[in-house]
Amino acid sequence: IDKMGLTLEELSGIHNQSIEQIQDDLRYLNIAEPVMDLVKAAPEKFTAEHLRILAEYASPDKKGWRISADEQERLAKRLLTQEDKRMSDSPRQFEVAIKETIKERRTKAEVEKKRHKTRTRTDALRELLRQIEVVDKSIKTLQKVDLSVIVEIDLVDKKEVMSHLYTMAEGLTTFAEQKINGIKVKRHEQRAS
């Protein structure tokens, strides 16, 4: 197809096969190279049905059910060593093993995703508390400033200082009302007495 620039329809006419048959055959190209090397080394260990199933699950068409090259190789080695006799004897059992492999990967990914989400929330909460401490320290430091040496102040300077302080206070109030109030409160289950 690539070398001669043929379409599936043209190839179908040349080889007298349906487009579906050609597409099925093309799926074998999705099998990882190390797996093909195992098949070449011991073809008697792999039935056509085992390879068809492997090719099907190696296909991008499977999307969420697709197996990676490493998973393909691991499963092919299990066939090669006949580690699981039922899987070696039955292509359907081989397909079950593929689905179990995918399910394990998905479960691990989901656990990791939840762990990461929890860690991210915890990190964000720590950062919020750390920043609140910084602001609190700044306020306490500001309150300790000795103003007794300032006997009088220009009206413009006083208005500017007051404006900054009120703007900061308003900013903190807005932050508390809009950001913190918007966070849902975790409900703890009440324990039965």
Protein backbone atom coordinates (compact mmCIF):
# COMPACT_ATOMS: atom_id res chain seq x y z
CA ILE A 1 0.00 0.00 0.00
CA ASP A 2 2.73 2.46 1.02
CA LYS A 3 5.29 1.56 -1.64
CA MET A 4 2.89 1.38 -4.56
CA GLY A 5 0.35 3.97 -3.41
CA LEU A 6 -2.57 1.55 -3.66
CA THR A 7 -5.92 2.05 -2.00
CA LEU A 8 -7.62 -0.76 -0.09
CA GLU A 9 -10.12 -1.08 -2.94
CA GLU A 10 -7.33 -1.53 -5.52
CA LEU A 11 -5.52 -4.04 -3.30
CA SER A 12 -8.80 -5.88 -2.78
CA GLY A 13 -9.23 -6.23 -6.56
CA ILE A 14 -5.64 -7.38 -7.12
CA HIS A 15 -5.70 -10.07 -4.41
CA ASN A 16 -9.35 -11.00 -4.85
CA GLN A 17 -10.06 -10.44 -1.14
CA SER A 18 -12.60 -8.24 0.58
CA ILE A 19 -11.54 -4.93 2.08
CA GLU A 20 -12.47 -6.35 5.51
CA GLN A 21 -10.11 -9.31 5.01
CA ILE A 22 -7.29 -6.94 4.06
CA GLN A 23 -8.00 -4.72 7.06
CA ASP A 24 -7.93 -7.77 9.33
CA ASP A 25 -4.57 -8.79 7.84
CA LEU A 26 -3.21 -5.26 8.32
CA ARG A 27 -3.95 -5.53 12.06
CA TYR A 28 -1.03 -7.96 12.33
CA LEU A 29 1.24 -4.98 11.69
CA ASN A 30 0.23 -3.67 15.14
CA ILE A 31 1.94 -6.58 16.88
CA ALA A 32 5.18 -5.38 18.47
CA GLU A 33 8.44 -6.40 16.77
CA PRO A 34 9.80 -8.33 19.80
CA VAL A 35 6.60 -10.41 19.79
CA MET A 36 7.01 -11.17 16.09
CA ASP A 37 10.57 -12.31 16.85
CA LEU A 38 9.17 -14.72 19.47
CA VAL A 39 6.63 -16.03 16.95
CA LYS A 40 9.34 -16.52 14.30
CA ALA A 41 11.52 -18.36 16.83
CA ALA A 42 8.77 -20.78 17.92
CA PRO A 43 5.81 -20.68 15.49
CA GLU A 44 4.39 -23.93 16.85
CA LYS A 45 3.62 -22.23 20.19
CA PHE A 46 1.29 -19.65 18.60
CA THR A 47 -1.95 -20.55 16.85
CA ALA A 48 -3.42 -18.32 14.16
CA GLU A 49 -6.32 -17.56 16.51
CA HIS A 50 -3.96 -16.51 19.33
CA LEU A 51 -2.16 -14.17 16.94
CA ARG A 52 -5.43 -12.79 15.57
CA ILE A 53 -6.59 -11.94 19.10
CA LEU A 54 -3.21 -10.43 19.94
CA ALA A 55 -3.30 -8.35 16.75
CA GLU A 56 -6.86 -7.22 17.48
CA TYR A 57 -5.94 -5.98 20.97
CA ALA A 58 -2.73 -4.40 19.68
CA SER A 59 -4.78 -2.34 17.22
CA PRO A 60 -5.39 1.39 17.82
CA ASP A 61 -9.06 0.64 17.01
CA LYS A 62 -9.36 -0.90 20.48
CA LYS A 63 -8.71 2.49 22.12
CA GLY A 64 -9.17 1.88 25.86
CA TRP A 65 -8.78 -1.86 25.40
CA ARG A 66 -5.50 -1.66 23.49
CA ILE A 67 -2.47 -3.46 24.95
CA SER A 68 0.97 -1.89 24.96
CA ALA A 69 4.05 -3.41 23.33
CA ASP A 70 5.33 -4.50 26.76
CA GLU A 71 2.01 -6.13 27.60
CA GLN A 72 2.00 -7.89 24.21
CA GLU A 73 5.48 -9.24 24.85
CA ARG A 74 4.63 -10.38 28.39
CA LEU A 75 1.52 -12.21 27.13
CA ALA A 76 3.37 -13.75 24.19
CA LYS A 77 6.07 -15.05 26.55
CA ARG A 78 3.35 -16.66 28.66
CA LEU A 79 2.15 -18.47 25.51
CA LEU A 80 5.70 -19.37 24.53
CA THR A 81 6.56 -20.89 27.93
CA GLN A 82 3.04 -22.32 28.23
CA GLU A 83 2.99 -20.90 31.76
CA ASP A 84 -0.80 -21.17 31.75
CA LYS A 85 -1.83 -24.33 29.91
CA ARG A 86 -5.48 -23.25 29.64
CA MET A 87 -4.43 -19.99 27.99
CA SER A 88 -2.12 -21.86 25.60
CA ASP A 89 -4.82 -24.36 24.68
CA SER A 90 -7.70 -21.90 24.38
CA PRO A 91 -7.61 -18.62 22.43
CA ARG A 92 -10.67 -17.53 24.44
CA GLN A 93 -8.70 -17.97 27.68
CA PHE A 94 -5.90 -15.98 26.07
CA GLU A 95 -8.38 -13.19 25.39
CA VAL A 96 -9.51 -13.35 29.03
CA ALA A 97 -5.85 -12.98 30.08
CA ILE A 98 -5.52 -9.93 27.82
CA LYS A 99 -8.63 -8.36 29.36
CA GLU A 100 -7.31 -9.09 32.87
CA THR A 101 -4.00 -7.43 31.96
CA ILE A 102 -5.83 -4.34 30.72
CA LYS A 103 -8.08 -4.29 33.79
CA GLU A 104 -5.04 -4.46 36.11
CA ARG A 105 -3.40 -1.56 34.24
CA ARG A 106 -6.58 0.51 34.43
CA THR A 107 -7.00 -0.23 38.15
CA LYS A 108 -3.39 0.80 38.85
CA ALA A 109 -3.85 3.97 36.82
CA GLU A 110 -7.07 4.82 38.66
CA VAL A 111 -5.42 4.27 42.06
CA GLU A 112 -2.47 6.44 41.01
CA LYS A 113 -4.83 9.12 39.71
CA LYS A 114 -6.71 9.19 43.03
CA ARG A 115 -3.42 9.24 44.95
CA HIS A 116 -2.17 12.13 42.82
CA LYS A 117 -5.44 14.03 43.21
CA THR A 118 -5.32 13.60 47.00
CA ARG A 119 -1.66 14.63 47.06
CA THR A 120 -2.41 17.68 44.90
CA ARG A 121 -5.26 18.73 47.22
CA THR A 122 -3.08 18.27 50.28
CA ASP A 123 -0.24 20.26 48.69
CA ALA A 124 -2.63 23.08 47.74
CA LEU A 125 -4.05 23.21 51.27
CA ARG A 126 -0.54 23.32 52.75
CA GLU A 127 0.38 26.15 50.39
CA LEU A 128 -2.77 28.07 51.36
CA LEU A 129 -1.99 27.70 55.06
CA ARG A 130 1.63 28.70 54.51
CA GLN A 131 0.58 31.84 52.63
CA ILE A 132 -1.94 32.72 55.36
CA GLU A 133 0.90 32.44 57.89
CA VAL A 134 2.99 34.83 55.77
CA VAL A 135 0.14 37.37 55.67
CA ASP A 136 -0.50 36.91 59.41
CA LYS A 137 3.19 37.55 60.19
CA SER A 138 3.13 40.64 57.98
CA ILE A 139 0.07 41.98 59.79
CA LYS A 140 1.66 41.32 63.20
CA THR A 141 4.87 43.01 62.04
CA LEU A 142 2.85 45.97 60.77
CA GLN A 143 1.01 46.24 64.10
CA LYS A 144 4.36 46.43 65.91
CA VAL A 145 5.57 49.41 63.86
CA ASP A 146 6.24 52.30 66.24
CA LEU A 147 4.15 55.20 64.99
CA SER A 148 4.81 57.38 68.07
CA VAL A 149 7.60 59.19 66.25
CA ILE A 150 5.16 60.42 63.61
CA VAL A 151 3.58 63.50 65.13
CA GLU A 152 1.68 64.58 62.03
CA ILE A 153 1.20 63.42 58.47
CA ASP A 154 0.14 65.07 55.23
CA LEU A 155 -3.47 64.45 54.36
CA VAL A 156 -2.44 62.97 50.96
CA ASP A 157 -0.05 60.50 52.64
CA LYS A 158 -2.64 59.53 55.27
CA LYS A 159 -5.26 58.92 52.57
CA GLU A 160 -2.77 56.83 50.59
CA VAL A 161 -1.88 54.68 53.64
CA MET A 162 -5.54 54.25 54.60
CA SER A 163 -6.46 53.42 51.00
CA HIS A 164 -3.77 50.69 50.85
CA LEU A 165 -4.88 49.21 54.18
CA TYR A 166 -8.57 49.20 53.25
CA THR A 167 -7.76 47.74 49.81
CA MET A 168 -5.74 44.93 51.46
CA ALA A 169 -8.53 44.28 53.98
CA GLU A 170 -11.10 44.23 51.18
CA GLY A 171 -8.88 41.87 49.18
CA LEU A 172 -8.66 39.47 52.12
CA THR A 173 -12.42 39.65 52.70
CA THR A 174 -13.14 39.03 49.00
CA PHE A 175 -10.66 36.12 48.96
CA ALA A 176 -12.32 34.57 52.01
CA GLU A 177 -15.86 35.04 50.70
CA GLN A 178 -15.30 34.03 47.08
CA LYS A 179 -12.49 31.49 47.27
CA ILE A 180 -12.66 29.88 50.70
CA ASN A 181 -16.45 30.01 51.10
CA GLY A 182 -16.78 28.38 47.65
CA ILE A 183 -14.97 25.22 48.79
CA LYS A 184 -17.28 22.38 49.80
CA VAL A 185 -17.00 21.16 53.38
CA LYS A 186 -16.08 17.50 53.76
CA ARG A 187 -18.86 15.62 55.50
CA HIS A 188 -17.72 13.11 58.05
CA GLU A 189 -19.90 10.08 58.55
CA GLN A 190 -21.46 9.98 61.98
CA ARG A 191 -20.52 6.90 63.87
CA ALA A 192 -23.30 4.78 65.28
CA SER A 193 -23.40 4.96 69.07
